[in-house]
Protein backbone atom coordinates (compact mmCIF):
# COMPACT_ATOMS: atom_id res chain seq x y z
CA MET A 1 22.22 -5.68 19.88
CA PRO A 2 23.43 -3.61 16.89
CA ALA A 3 21.02 -0.85 15.82
CA THR A 4 20.59 -2.26 12.30
CA GLU A 5 19.70 -5.72 13.61
CA LEU A 6 17.19 -4.24 16.05
CA ALA A 7 15.65 -2.14 13.25
CA TYR A 8 15.45 -5.21 11.02
CA GLN A 9 13.61 -7.11 13.76
CA LYS A 10 11.09 -4.28 14.09
CA VAL A 11 10.54 -4.08 10.34
CA ASN A 12 10.10 -7.85 10.18
CA LEU A 13 7.60 -7.67 13.02
CA LEU A 14 5.57 -5.13 11.05
CA MET A 15 5.64 -7.18 7.85
CA ASN A 16 4.72 -10.37 9.73
CA GLU A 17 1.75 -8.59 11.27
CA MET A 18 0.60 -7.39 7.86
CA GLU A 19 0.95 -10.93 6.48
CA LYS A 20 -1.78 -12.04 8.85
CA VAL A 21 -4.19 -10.27 6.50
CA ILE A 22 -2.35 -10.09 3.13
CA LEU A 23 -1.28 -13.61 2.20
CA GLY A 24 1.59 -14.51 -0.11
CA LYS A 25 2.61 -10.97 -1.04
CA ARG A 26 5.74 -10.50 1.07
CA ASP A 27 7.61 -8.67 -1.72
CA VAL A 28 4.80 -6.10 -2.11
CA LEU A 29 4.55 -5.65 1.66
CA GLN A 30 8.32 -5.11 1.84
CA LEU A 31 8.24 -2.36 -0.79
CA THR A 32 5.20 -0.73 0.84
CA VAL A 33 6.93 -0.68 4.23
CA ALA A 34 10.14 0.61 2.58
CA ALA A 35 8.18 3.50 1.04
CA PHE A 36 6.58 4.24 4.42
CA LEU A 37 9.97 4.35 6.17
CA ALA A 38 11.46 6.48 3.38
CA GLY A 39 8.72 9.06 3.92
CA GLY A 40 7.34 8.40 0.43
CA HIS A 41 3.96 7.40 -0.92
CA VAL A 42 2.71 4.46 -3.00
CA LEU A 43 0.51 4.28 -6.10
CA PHE A 44 -1.23 1.00 -6.92
CA GLU A 45 -2.58 0.29 -10.39
CA ASP A 46 -4.42 -2.95 -9.86
CA VAL A 47 -7.59 -4.90 -10.38
CA PRO A 48 -10.34 -4.52 -7.74
CA GLY A 49 -10.62 -6.94 -4.83
CA VAL A 50 -6.98 -7.92 -4.31
CA GLY A 51 -6.65 -6.44 -0.81
CA LYS A 52 -5.42 -2.86 -1.22
CA THR A 53 -7.82 -1.42 1.37
CA LYS A 54 -7.06 -4.19 3.84
CA MET A 55 -3.34 -3.61 3.39
CA VAL A 56 -3.67 0.07 4.27
CA LYS A 57 -5.94 -0.61 7.25
CA THR A 58 -3.52 -3.26 8.51
CA LEU A 59 -0.54 -0.91 8.23
CA ALA A 60 -2.45 1.80 10.09
CA LYS A 61 -3.49 -0.54 12.90
CA ALA A 62 -0.04 -2.14 13.27
CA THR A 63 1.54 1.31 13.61
CA HIS A 64 -1.28 2.79 15.71
CA GLY A 65 -2.03 5.36 13.04
CA GLN A 66 -5.36 6.91 12.15
CA PHE A 67 -6.84 5.67 8.87
CA ASN A 68 -9.04 7.61 6.44
CA ARG A 69 -10.31 6.74 3.01
CA ILE A 70 -11.34 9.11 0.23
CA GLN A 71 -13.33 7.72 -2.68
CA PHE A 72 -12.32 9.86 -5.65
CA THR A 73 -15.24 10.65 -7.97
CA PRO A 74 -15.71 13.17 -10.82
CA ASP A 75 -17.67 15.55 -8.56
CA LEU A 76 -15.13 15.54 -5.71
CA LEU A 77 -13.95 19.05 -4.73
CA PRO A 78 -10.61 20.07 -3.18
CA SER A 79 -12.50 21.15 -0.04
CA ASP A 80 -13.86 17.59 0.29
CA ILE A 81 -10.24 16.49 0.69
CA LEU A 82 -8.60 19.34 2.59
CA GLY A 83 -11.44 20.79 4.65
CA VAL A 84 -13.18 24.14 4.72
CA SER A 85 -13.40 27.32 6.80
CA VAL A 86 -16.90 27.95 8.12
CA TYR A 87 -18.12 31.23 9.61
CA ASN A 88 -19.28 30.89 13.22
CA THR A 89 -21.94 33.50 13.91
CA ALA A 90 -21.52 33.10 17.68
CA THR A 91 -17.81 33.95 17.70
CA GLN A 92 -17.97 36.01 14.48
CA GLN A 93 -14.89 34.19 13.25
CA PHE A 94 -14.07 31.61 10.63
CA GLU A 95 -13.38 28.14 12.01
CA PHE A 96 -11.46 25.52 10.06
CA HIS A 97 -13.11 22.11 9.74
CA PRO A 98 -10.36 19.66 8.69
CA GLY A 99 -11.02 17.22 5.87
CA PRO A 100 -10.11 13.51 5.68
CA ILE A 101 -6.53 14.33 4.62
CA PHE A 102 -5.80 15.04 8.29
CA THR A 103 -4.89 11.49 9.17
CA THR A 104 -1.84 9.25 9.43
CA VAL A 105 -2.54 6.74 6.67
CA LEU A 106 -4.71 7.89 3.76
CA LEU A 107 -6.22 5.65 1.11
CA ALA A 108 -6.89 7.74 -2.01
CA ASP A 109 -9.13 5.29 -3.83
CA GLU A 110 -9.42 5.50 -7.64
CA ILE A 111 -7.48 8.76 -7.68
CA ASN A 112 -7.70 9.09 -11.46
CA ARG A 113 -11.51 9.11 -11.39
CA THR A 114 -11.51 12.73 -10.23
CA THR A 115 -10.63 15.94 -12.07
CA PRO A 116 -7.07 17.37 -12.19
CA ARG A 117 -8.16 20.20 -9.89
CA SER A 118 -9.01 17.77 -7.10
CA GLN A 119 -5.98 15.58 -7.84
CA ALA A 120 -3.78 18.64 -7.38
CA ALA A 121 -5.19 19.18 -3.88
CA LEU A 122 -2.92 16.37 -2.73
CA LEU A 123 0.31 17.84 -4.16
CA GLU A 124 1.28 20.12 -1.28
CA ALA A 125 0.29 17.53 1.32
CA MET A 126 2.36 14.78 -0.29
CA SER A 127 5.43 16.97 -0.76
CA GLU A 128 5.43 19.18 2.32
CA LYS A 129 3.21 17.32 4.83
CA HIS A 130 1.04 20.37 5.34
CA VAL A 131 -1.86 22.08 3.57
CA THR A 132 -2.55 25.78 3.03
CA ILE A 133 -6.14 27.03 3.12
CA ASP A 134 -7.19 30.69 3.22
CA ASN A 135 -3.56 31.75 3.78
CA HIS A 136 -3.25 29.50 6.84
CA THR A 137 -0.88 26.52 6.88
CA TYR A 138 -1.94 23.42 8.77
CA PRO A 139 0.59 20.64 9.50
CA LEU A 140 -0.27 17.01 8.88
CA GLU A 141 0.70 13.99 10.95
CA GLU A 142 4.44 13.34 11.18
CA ASN A 143 4.03 9.88 9.62
CA PHE A 144 1.50 10.97 6.97
CA PHE A 145 1.43 8.31 4.27
CA VAL A 146 -0.67 8.15 1.09
CA LEU A 147 -1.50 4.91 -0.63
CA ALA A 148 -3.44 5.72 -3.81
CA THR A 149 -5.11 3.38 -6.26
CA GLN A 150 -5.81 4.11 -9.90
CA ASN A 151 -7.66 2.34 -12.66
CA PRO A 152 -5.79 1.47 -15.86
CA LEU A 153 -5.91 4.49 -18.18
CA GLU A 154 -7.86 2.62 -20.83
CA TYR A 155 -10.87 2.53 -18.48
CA GLU A 156 -13.61 5.05 -19.26
CA GLY A 157 -13.92 8.16 -17.11
CA THR A 158 -10.29 8.39 -16.03
CA TYR A 159 -8.14 11.52 -15.82
CA PRO A 160 -4.42 10.71 -16.19
CA LEU A 161 -2.31 11.98 -13.32
CA PRO A 162 0.10 14.73 -14.43
CA GLU A 163 3.83 13.95 -14.39
CA ALA A 164 4.41 16.30 -11.44
CA GLN A 165 1.95 14.35 -9.30
CA LEU A 166 3.18 10.94 -10.40
CA ASP A 167 6.64 12.07 -9.32
CA ARG A 168 5.34 12.50 -5.75
CA PHE A 169 4.80 8.75 -5.47
CA LEU A 170 7.96 6.94 -4.45
CA PHE A 171 6.79 3.57 -5.79
CA LYS A 172 4.15 2.32 -8.18
CA LEU A 173 3.21 -1.26 -7.29
CA GLN A 174 0.80 -4.05 -8.06
CA ILE A 175 -0.53 -6.62 -5.63
CA GLY A 176 -1.93 -8.87 -8.34
CA TYR A 177 -3.91 -12.07 -7.91
CA PRO A 178 -2.82 -14.46 -5.13
CA GLU A 179 -1.21 -17.82 -5.78
CA PHE A 180 -3.60 -20.79 -5.95
CA SER A 181 -2.72 -22.10 -2.47
CA ASP A 182 -3.00 -18.63 -0.89
CA GLU A 183 -6.37 -17.98 -2.51
CA LEU A 184 -7.63 -21.39 -1.39
CA ASN A 185 -6.55 -20.57 2.16
CA LEU A 186 -8.34 -17.22 1.82
CA MET A 187 -11.54 -18.89 0.61
CA LEU A 188 -11.57 -21.46 3.40
CA HIS A 189 -10.54 -19.33 6.37
CA GLN A 190 -11.51 -15.71 5.72
CA THR A 191 -14.01 -14.57 8.33
CA GLY A 192 -14.05 -10.82 7.72
CA HIS A 193 -12.54 -10.22 11.16
CA GLU A 194 -8.85 -10.64 10.28
CA LEU A 195 -8.11 -7.04 11.26
CA ASP A 196 -9.30 -7.79 14.80
CA HIS A 197 -6.21 -9.96 15.27
CA VAL A 198 -3.73 -7.31 14.10
CA ARG A 199 -1.67 -5.86 16.96
CA GLN A 200 0.16 -2.58 17.23
CA VAL A 201 3.83 -3.53 16.84
CA LEU A 202 5.43 -0.11 16.34
CA THR A 203 4.98 3.15 18.22
CA ALA A 204 5.25 6.61 16.64
CA SER A 205 8.66 7.13 18.26
CA GLU A 206 9.93 3.77 16.94
CA ILE A 207 8.78 4.72 13.43
CA SER A 208 10.63 8.04 13.74
CA GLN A 209 13.77 6.15 14.83
CA LEU A 210 13.49 3.79 11.86
CA LYS A 211 13.09 6.73 9.50
CA GLN A 212 16.18 8.31 11.00
CA GLN A 213 18.09 5.06 10.44
CA VAL A 214 17.02 5.08 6.81
CA GLU A 215 18.60 8.52 6.46
CA GLU A 216 21.85 7.17 7.93
CA ILE A 217 22.12 4.15 5.62
CA TYR A 218 25.48 4.32 3.83
CA ILE A 219 25.77 4.42 0.06
CA ASP A 220 29.18 4.08 -1.53
CA PRO A 221 30.01 6.76 -4.13
CA LYS A 222 30.40 4.06 -6.80
CA VAL A 223 26.94 2.68 -6.02
CA ALA A 224 25.52 6.22 -6.12
CA GLN A 225 27.19 6.73 -9.52
CA TYR A 226 25.63 3.46 -10.69
CA ALA A 227 22.21 4.78 -9.63
CA LEU A 228 22.77 8.02 -11.52
CA GLN A 229 23.97 6.16 -14.61
CA LEU A 230 20.69 4.20 -14.60
CA VAL A 231 18.82 7.50 -14.34
CA HIS A 232 20.81 9.04 -17.20
CA ALA A 233 20.16 5.96 -19.33
CA THR A 234 16.43 6.79 -19.22
CA ARG A 235 17.16 10.27 -20.57
CA ASN A 236 19.13 8.90 -23.53
CA HIS A 237 16.97 5.91 -24.51
CA ASN A 238 15.46 6.25 -27.99
CA GLY A 239 12.12 4.87 -26.79
CA ILE A 240 11.71 7.33 -23.92
CA GLU A 241 10.32 10.83 -24.38
CA LEU A 242 10.75 11.98 -20.78
CA GLY A 243 13.32 10.34 -18.50
CA ILE A 244 13.76 10.37 -14.73
CA SER A 245 13.93 13.85 -13.20
CA PRO A 246 16.45 14.94 -10.54
CA ARG A 247 13.62 14.58 -7.99
CA GLY A 248 13.20 11.02 -9.25
CA SER A 249 16.91 10.30 -8.82
CA VAL A 250 16.75 11.52 -5.20
CA SER A 251 13.72 9.27 -4.67
CA PHE A 252 15.68 6.37 -6.18
CA ILE A 253 18.36 6.73 -3.49
CA LYS A 254 15.82 7.19 -0.68
CA GLY A 255 13.96 4.09 -1.76
CA ALA A 256 17.19 2.06 -1.99
CA LYS A 257 18.23 3.09 1.52
CA ALA A 258 14.85 2.09 2.97
CA PHE A 259 14.91 -1.19 1.03
CA ALA A 260 18.40 -1.95 2.37
CA LEU A 261 17.09 -1.52 5.91
CA THR A 262 14.23 -3.95 5.23
CA GLU A 263 16.93 -6.40 4.08
CA GLY A 264 18.80 -5.97 7.39
CA ARG A 265 21.73 -3.96 6.04
CA ASN A 266 23.08 -0.51 6.91
CA PHE A 267 24.45 0.04 3.40
CA VAL A 268 23.08 -0.01 -0.15
CA ILE A 269 24.25 -2.56 -2.72
CA PRO A 270 23.59 -2.52 -6.49
CA SER A 271 20.96 -5.25 -6.24
CA ASP A 272 18.86 -2.96 -4.01
CA LEU A 273 18.73 -0.47 -6.87
CA GLN A 274 17.92 -3.24 -9.35
CA GLN A 275 15.13 -4.57 -7.13
CA ILE A 276 13.33 -1.27 -6.73
CA LEU A 277 14.04 0.15 -10.21
CA PRO A 278 10.72 -0.94 -11.82
CA ALA A 279 8.74 0.49 -8.88
CA VAL A 280 10.63 3.81 -8.98
CA PHE A 281 11.02 4.27 -12.75
CA GLY A 282 7.83 2.76 -14.19
CA HIS A 283 5.42 5.62 -13.48
CA ARG A 284 7.96 8.40 -14.03
CA LEU A 285 8.82 7.55 -17.64
CA LEU A 286 6.94 8.97 -20.60
CA LEU A 287 7.45 6.69 -23.59
CA LYS A 288 7.56 7.83 -27.20
CA ASN A 289 4.58 7.24 -29.50
CA GLY A 290 5.85 3.99 -30.89
CA TYR A 291 6.11 2.51 -27.40
CA THR A 292 3.23 4.13 -25.52
CA SER A 293 0.57 1.96 -27.13
CA SER A 294 1.68 -1.16 -25.27
CA LYS A 295 2.51 -1.62 -21.60
CA GLU A 296 4.54 -4.65 -22.58
CA HIS A 297 7.29 -2.34 -23.84
CA LEU A 298 8.00 -0.81 -20.43
CA PRO A 299 9.47 -3.93 -18.75
CA GLU A 300 11.48 -4.51 -21.93
CA ILE A 301 12.91 -0.96 -21.83
CA LEU A 302 13.74 -1.23 -18.13
CA GLU A 303 15.51 -4.53 -18.80
CA GLN A 304 17.53 -2.88 -21.58
CA ILE A 305 18.58 -0.09 -19.23
CA LEU A 306 19.69 -2.55 -16.55
CA LYS A 307 21.73 -4.52 -19.09
CA GLN A 308 23.46 -1.54 -20.69
CA VAL A 309 24.70 0.04 -17.44
CA PRO A 310 27.69 -1.85 -15.97
CA VAL A 311 27.34 -2.93 -12.36
CA PRO A 312 30.14 -1.64 -10.10
CA VAL A 313 32.46 -4.40 -8.90
CA ARG A 314 32.91 -4.65 -5.14
CA LYS A 315 36.53 -4.83 -4.03
CA SER A 316 37.35 -7.81 -1.86
């Protein structure tokens, strides 16, 4: 069996397992899995009670990863996230006690409820997959993955994430409310024990292989140029104050490669870029004053960018 087809089967197996718990949100699950395989992280800005915690727990169980949750509050300290060195009087040495960040899948719940100092504690971990404390560097799990949630910025007691930290999230997504039929099914059949039926479907070595396959996904130079033209369009739009950074353009390609694999292809096509563009661009753009006041302008601007950049024509 071709490697791409085998990888697609494994990815489908993972998404099917997650659908046992998260009903009717296949597109969100696909993007979450794509971010996981791309080695990125996901930020959710959503209403409470739509299944974010269950999604993360399901992903952790299906991939046999350890799961930790941090509830971000105004009094949270960096040491509450990273851990702390404690002096042992018996050995007369400092011993490091790891914090909850030392896990495979981390849920950073209501990340914008805490102060910028504590938010920044995640930066090194998300970028480098290690943390440095007291001049010692401690590696994190190979498949370390952060899924963070944030409240809409108009809520009281929120601290907006700085641009540098937002850039560390590959995708910003929303689960949203379920469809009527899915919610009815949830109401009638939810027992609270859905996670008990979730099986491990991927091993750590299989995840590493899938990540390696993402790296090897082919992107034609013309498709790569199309991606960069979309990026440049954000830097020249009269409604955008701050466009996509070079780090964002690299993330755009990584996300497209992972998405292509979840579609069962070993190459990227323009529609992959179009599909993931809102998830990659939305949280990285800083709009000008006239546009910032309304979130309704962002989809409109993204639509304008997609329309103004010509799609490369594939030769037959």
